[in-house]
């Protein structure tokens, strides 16, 4: 039967992150094909279609923050992730997977930022970030105003540093 697998750090455990940073599908045992990849769709059209007026302002601020930190232009990954930069990571098959280095999506009334927030420094930052939920690699919040934006920037910078450390 067909199965969705959500990968983090090259593993094949199913994720509790409902947004699914990188989604893979397979119908043949041992064969994995990437479902979430750069799509060429318009970031502006995605945001206009999915974000409420309040979310749109927050999304524009997130684009500015993530663009400044990554020094990359936003591009759509799949149908619903606004990604910045990319990195390659090894799969169990020996092949390389590719993902956006960081990004965000509109998920109903929440926004989700995709990042790695492991380790003592990142955990400490999350405690001072403001009103949010965190699961695996997904930072959920309703309004950017609920977060300390300088702390969010530090969390993203730490996430990018961790990806460089792990994958070069």
C-alpha atoms as a PDB file:
ATOM      1  CA  UNK A   1       0.000   0.000   0.000  1.00  0.00           C
ATOM      2  CA  UNK A   2       1.003   3.613  -0.498  1.00  0.00           C
ATOM      3  CA  UNK A   3       2.606   5.263   2.534  1.00  0.00           C
ATOM      4  CA  UNK A   4       3.673   8.815   3.381  1.00  0.00           C
ATOM      5  CA  UNK A   5       6.972   9.159   5.185  1.00  0.00           C
ATOM      6  CA  UNK A   6       8.092  12.411   6.786  1.00  0.00           C
ATOM      7  CA  UNK A   7      11.865  12.681   7.132  1.00  0.00           C
ATOM      8  CA  UNK A   8      13.899  14.633   9.642  1.00  0.00           C
ATOM      9  CA  UNK A   9      17.658  14.389   9.768  1.00  0.00           C
ATOM     10  CA  UNK A  10      17.603  11.523   7.238  1.00  0.00           C
ATOM     11  CA  UNK A  11      15.412   9.191   9.273  1.00  0.00           C
ATOM     12  CA  UNK A  12      12.161   7.561   8.171  1.00  0.00           C
ATOM     13  CA  UNK A  13      10.099   7.926  11.343  1.00  0.00           C
ATOM     14  CA  UNK A  14       6.658   9.424  10.922  1.00  0.00           C
ATOM     15  CA  UNK A  15       6.508  12.987  12.143  1.00  0.00           C
ATOM     16  CA  UNK A  16       4.082  14.619  14.554  1.00  0.00           C
ATOM     17  CA  UNK A  17       4.512  17.778  12.490  1.00  0.00           C
ATOM     18  CA  UNK A  18       1.215  17.951  10.638  1.00  0.00           C
ATOM     19  CA  UNK A  19       2.565  20.318   8.017  1.00  0.00           C
ATOM     20  CA  UNK A  20       5.252  17.840   6.918  1.00  0.00           C
ATOM     21  CA  UNK A  21       8.400  19.814   6.099  1.00  0.00           C
ATOM     22  CA  UNK A  22       9.523  17.320   3.483  1.00  0.00           C
ATOM     23  CA  UNK A  23       7.080  14.701   2.328  1.00  0.00           C
ATOM     24  CA  UNK A  24       8.040  11.524   0.530  1.00  0.00           C
ATOM     25  CA  UNK A  25       5.796   8.915  -1.039  1.00  0.00           C
ATOM     26  CA  UNK A  26       6.570   5.367  -1.966  1.00  0.00           C
ATOM     27  CA  UNK A  27       4.569   2.488  -3.359  1.00  0.00           C
ATOM     28  CA  UNK A  28       7.573   0.235  -3.924  1.00  0.00           C
ATOM     29  CA  UNK A  29       9.507  -0.993  -0.863  1.00  0.00           C
ATOM     30  CA  UNK A  30      12.878   0.756  -0.703  1.00  0.00           C
ATOM     31  CA  UNK A  31      12.004   3.314  -3.401  1.00  0.00           C
ATOM     32  CA  UNK A  32      11.519   6.899  -2.235  1.00  0.00           C
ATOM     33  CA  UNK A  33      10.592   9.814  -4.458  1.00  0.00           C
ATOM     34  CA  UNK A  34      10.606  13.385  -3.238  1.00  0.00           C
ATOM     35  CA  UNK A  35       7.160  14.995  -3.285  1.00  0.00           C
ATOM     36  CA  UNK A  36       8.147  18.405  -1.891  1.00  0.00           C
ATOM     37  CA  UNK A  37      10.596  20.160  -4.196  1.00  0.00           C
ATOM     38  CA  UNK A  38      10.966  23.620  -5.721  1.00  0.00           C
ATOM     39  CA  UNK A  39       7.866  24.200  -7.834  1.00  0.00           C
ATOM     40  CA  UNK A  40       8.281  27.517  -9.629  1.00  0.00           C
ATOM     41  CA  UNK A  41       4.854  28.648  -8.401  1.00  0.00           C
ATOM     42  CA  UNK A  42       4.436  32.256  -7.357  1.00  0.00           C
ATOM     43  CA  UNK A  43       5.050  33.070  -3.694  1.00  0.00           C
ATOM     44  CA  UNK A  44       2.856  36.157  -4.007  1.00  0.00           C
ATOM     45  CA  UNK A  45      -0.048  34.180  -5.509  1.00  0.00           C
ATOM     46  CA  UNK A  46       0.210  31.520  -2.783  1.00  0.00           C
ATOM     47  CA  UNK A  47       0.154  34.129  -0.011  1.00  0.00           C
ATOM     48  CA  UNK A  48      -2.713  36.067  -1.611  1.00  0.00           C
ATOM     49  CA  UNK A  49      -4.763  32.865  -1.910  1.00  0.00           C
ATOM     50  CA  UNK A  50      -4.050  31.350   1.519  1.00  0.00           C
ATOM     51  CA  UNK A  51      -3.375  34.145   3.999  1.00  0.00           C
ATOM     52  CA  UNK A  52      -5.975  36.315   5.699  1.00  0.00           C
ATOM     53  CA  UNK A  53      -5.324  40.078   5.721  1.00  0.00           C
ATOM     54  CA  UNK A  54      -3.655  39.859   9.146  1.00  0.00           C
ATOM     55  CA  UNK A  55      -1.638  36.804   8.137  1.00  0.00           C
ATOM     56  CA  UNK A  56      -0.539  38.479   4.919  1.00  0.00           C
ATOM     57  CA  UNK A  57       1.162  41.275   6.856  1.00  0.00           C
ATOM     58  CA  UNK A  58       2.880  38.669   9.058  1.00  0.00           C
ATOM     59  CA  UNK A  59       3.896  36.642   5.981  1.00  0.00           C
ATOM     60  CA  UNK A  60       5.482  39.721   4.399  1.00  0.00           C
ATOM     61  CA  UNK A  61       7.411  40.347   7.621  1.00  0.00           C
ATOM     62  CA  UNK A  62       8.524  36.683   7.679  1.00  0.00           C
ATOM     63  CA  UNK A  63       9.689  36.940   4.068  1.00  0.00           C
ATOM     64  CA  UNK A  64      11.753  40.015   4.981  1.00  0.00           C
ATOM     65  CA  UNK A  65      13.243  38.337   8.075  1.00  0.00           C
ATOM     66  CA  UNK A  66      14.063  35.021   6.375  1.00  0.00           C
ATOM     67  CA  UNK A  67      15.405  36.750   3.279  1.00  0.00           C
ATOM     68  CA  UNK A  68      17.674  38.932   5.425  1.00  0.00           C
ATOM     69  CA  UNK A  69      18.973  35.993   7.484  1.00  0.00           C
ATOM     70  CA  UNK A  70      19.464  33.528   4.611  1.00  0.00           C
ATOM     71  CA  UNK A  71      20.382  36.086   1.918  1.00  0.00           C
ATOM     72  CA  UNK A  72      18.188  33.988  -0.398  1.00  0.00           C
ATOM     73  CA  UNK A  73      15.097  34.833  -2.415  1.00  0.00           C
ATOM     74  CA  UNK A  74      11.855  33.069  -1.426  1.00  0.00           C
ATOM     75  CA  UNK A  75      10.600  30.279  -3.675  1.00  0.00           C
ATOM     76  CA  UNK A  76       7.783  27.813  -3.434  1.00  0.00           C
ATOM     77  CA  UNK A  77       8.590  24.259  -2.365  1.00  0.00           C
ATOM     78  CA  UNK A  78       5.667  22.069  -3.336  1.00  0.00           C
ATOM     79  CA  UNK A  79       2.288  23.720  -3.217  1.00  0.00           C
ATOM     80  CA  UNK A  80       2.446  25.277   0.231  1.00  0.00           C
ATOM     81  CA  UNK A  81       5.938  26.000   1.583  1.00  0.00           C
ATOM     82  CA  UNK A  82       7.672  29.338   1.049  1.00  0.00           C
ATOM     83  CA  UNK A  83      11.299  28.236   1.291  1.00  0.00           C
ATOM     84  CA  UNK A  84      14.629  30.013   1.553  1.00  0.00           C
ATOM     85  CA  UNK A  85      17.911  28.435   0.533  1.00  0.00           C
ATOM     86  CA  UNK A  86      18.440  24.692   0.370  1.00  0.00           C
ATOM     87  CA  UNK A  87      20.612  21.911   1.695  1.00  0.00           C
ATOM     88  CA  UNK A  88      21.283  18.303   0.768  1.00  0.00           C
ATOM     89  CA  UNK A  89      21.196  15.424   3.206  1.00  0.00           C
ATOM     90  CA  UNK A  90      21.903  11.687   2.861  1.00  0.00           C
ATOM     91  CA  UNK A  91      19.026   9.205   2.627  1.00  0.00           C
ATOM     92  CA  UNK A  92      19.251   5.633   3.909  1.00  0.00           C
ATOM     93  CA  UNK A  93      19.357   4.496   0.257  1.00  0.00           C
ATOM     94  CA  UNK A  94      22.639   6.360  -0.224  1.00  0.00           C
ATOM     95  CA  UNK A  95      21.016   8.979  -2.429  1.00  0.00           C
ATOM     96  CA  UNK A  96      20.797  12.649  -1.507  1.00  0.00           C
ATOM     97  CA  UNK A  97      17.598  14.443  -0.570  1.00  0.00           C
ATOM     98  CA  UNK A  98      17.142  18.193  -0.802  1.00  0.00           C
ATOM     99  CA  UNK A  99      15.077  20.557   1.327  1.00  0.00           C
ATOM    100  CA  UNK A 100      14.689  24.257   1.880  1.00  0.00           C
ATOM    101  CA  UNK A 101      17.012  25.461   4.640  1.00  0.00           C
ATOM    102  CA  UNK A 102      14.133  27.258   6.315  1.00  0.00           C
ATOM    103  CA  UNK A 103      10.699  28.409   5.294  1.00  0.00           C
ATOM    104  CA  UNK A 104       7.122  28.922   6.354  1.00  0.00           C
ATOM    105  CA  UNK A 105       3.554  28.080   5.411  1.00  0.00           C
ATOM    106  CA  UNK A 106       0.034  29.241   6.158  1.00  0.00           C
ATOM    107  CA  UNK A 107      -1.835  26.442   7.946  1.00  0.00           C
ATOM    108  CA  UNK A 108      -5.395  27.548   8.635  1.00  0.00           C
ATOM    109  CA  UNK A 109      -5.354  30.187  11.361  1.00  0.00           C
ATOM    110  CA  UNK A 110      -1.725  29.459  12.191  1.00  0.00           C
ATOM    111  CA  UNK A 111       1.589  30.128  10.543  1.00  0.00           C
ATOM    112  CA  UNK A 112       4.349  27.559  10.741  1.00  0.00           C
ATOM    113  CA  UNK A 113       8.085  28.184  10.371  1.00  0.00           C
ATOM    114  CA  UNK A 114      10.266  25.192   9.491  1.00  0.00           C
ATOM    115  CA  UNK A 115      13.562  25.003  11.358  1.00  0.00           C
ATOM    116  CA  UNK A 116      15.825  22.884  13.535  1.00  0.00           C
ATOM    117  CA  UNK A 117      15.664  23.898  17.197  1.00  0.00           C
ATOM    118  CA  UNK A 118      17.640  21.301  19.121  1.00  0.00           C
ATOM    119  CA  UNK A 119      20.259  21.736  21.794  1.00  0.00           C
ATOM    120  CA  UNK A 120      20.451  23.821  24.941  1.00  0.00           C
ATOM    121  CA  UNK A 121      20.862  27.203  23.253  1.00  0.00           C
ATOM    122  CA  UNK A 122      17.900  26.704  20.927  1.00  0.00           C
ATOM    123  CA  UNK A 123      15.737  25.306  23.754  1.00  0.00           C
ATOM    124  CA  UNK A 124      16.557  28.308  25.919  1.00  0.00           C
ATOM    125  CA  UNK A 125      15.642  30.672  23.091  1.00  0.00           C
ATOM    126  CA  UNK A 126      12.307  28.910  22.574  1.00  0.00           C
ATOM    127  CA  UNK A 127      11.389  29.533  26.222  1.00  0.00           C
ATOM    128  CA  UNK A 128      11.732  33.285  25.640  1.00  0.00           C
ATOM    129  CA  UNK A 129      10.207  33.378  22.145  1.00  0.00           C
ATOM    130  CA  UNK A 130       6.616  34.092  23.132  1.00  0.00           C
ATOM    131  CA  UNK A 131       3.316  32.315  22.513  1.00  0.00           C
ATOM    132  CA  UNK A 132       3.958  29.342  20.212  1.00  0.00           C
ATOM    133  CA  UNK A 133       3.907  25.548  19.886  1.00  0.00           C
ATOM    134  CA  UNK A 134       6.850  23.504  18.651  1.00  0.00           C
ATOM    135  CA  UNK A 135       6.881  20.003  17.206  1.00  0.00           C
ATOM    136  CA  UNK A 136       9.845  18.271  15.536  1.00  0.00           C
ATOM    137  CA  UNK A 137      10.837  20.979  13.045  1.00  0.00           C
ATOM    138  CA  UNK A 138       7.653  23.066  13.085  1.00  0.00           C
ATOM    139  CA  UNK A 139       7.190  26.320  14.986  1.00  0.00           C
ATOM    140  CA  UNK A 140       3.469  27.171  15.122  1.00  0.00           C
ATOM    141  CA  UNK A 141       2.048  30.561  16.080  1.00  0.00           C
ATOM    142  CA  UNK A 142      -1.027  32.655  15.300  1.00  0.00           C
ATOM    143  CA  UNK A 143       0.431  36.141  15.088  1.00  0.00           C
ATOM    144  CA  UNK A 144       3.956  37.408  14.628  1.00  0.00           C
ATOM    145  CA  UNK A 145       3.163  40.038  17.269  1.00  0.00           C
ATOM    146  CA  UNK A 146       2.909  37.170  19.813  1.00  0.00           C
ATOM    147  CA  UNK A 147       6.624  36.424  19.283  1.00  0.00           C
ATOM    148  CA  UNK A 148       9.783  38.292  20.179  1.00  0.00           C
ATOM    149  CA  UNK A 149      11.078  38.843  16.661  1.00  0.00           C
ATOM    150  CA  UNK A 150      14.740  39.242  17.651  1.00  0.00           C
ATOM    151  CA  UNK A 151      14.523  35.873  19.421  1.00  0.00           C
ATOM    152  CA  UNK A 152      12.845  34.335  16.353  1.00  0.00           C
ATOM    153  CA  UNK A 153      15.721  35.629  14.243  1.00  0.00           C
ATOM    154  CA  UNK A 154      18.230  34.043  16.652  1.00  0.00           C
ATOM    155  CA  UNK A 155      16.365  30.703  16.470  1.00  0.00           C
ATOM    156  CA  UNK A 156      16.469  30.789  12.659  1.00  0.00           C
ATOM    157  CA  UNK A 157      20.183  31.701  12.657  1.00  0.00           C
ATOM    158  CA  UNK A 158      20.846  28.797  15.055  1.00  0.00           C
ATOM    159  CA  UNK A 159      18.851  26.440  12.838  1.00  0.00           C
ATOM    160  CA  UNK A 160      20.842  27.410   9.745  1.00  0.00           C
ATOM    161  CA  UNK A 161      24.106  26.968  11.663  1.00  0.00           C
ATOM    162  CA  UNK A 162      23.011  23.489  12.745  1.00  0.00           C
ATOM    163  CA  UNK A 163      22.168  22.509   9.159  1.00  0.00           C
ATOM    164  CA  UNK A 164      25.619  23.715   8.019  1.00  0.00           C
ATOM    165  CA  UNK A 165      27.242  21.751  10.847  1.00  0.00           C
ATOM    166  CA  UNK A 166      25.367  18.549   9.960  1.00  0.00           C
ATOM    167  CA  UNK A 167      25.373  18.673   6.187  1.00  0.00           C
ATOM    168  CA  UNK A 168      28.084  21.128   5.192  1.00  0.00           C
END
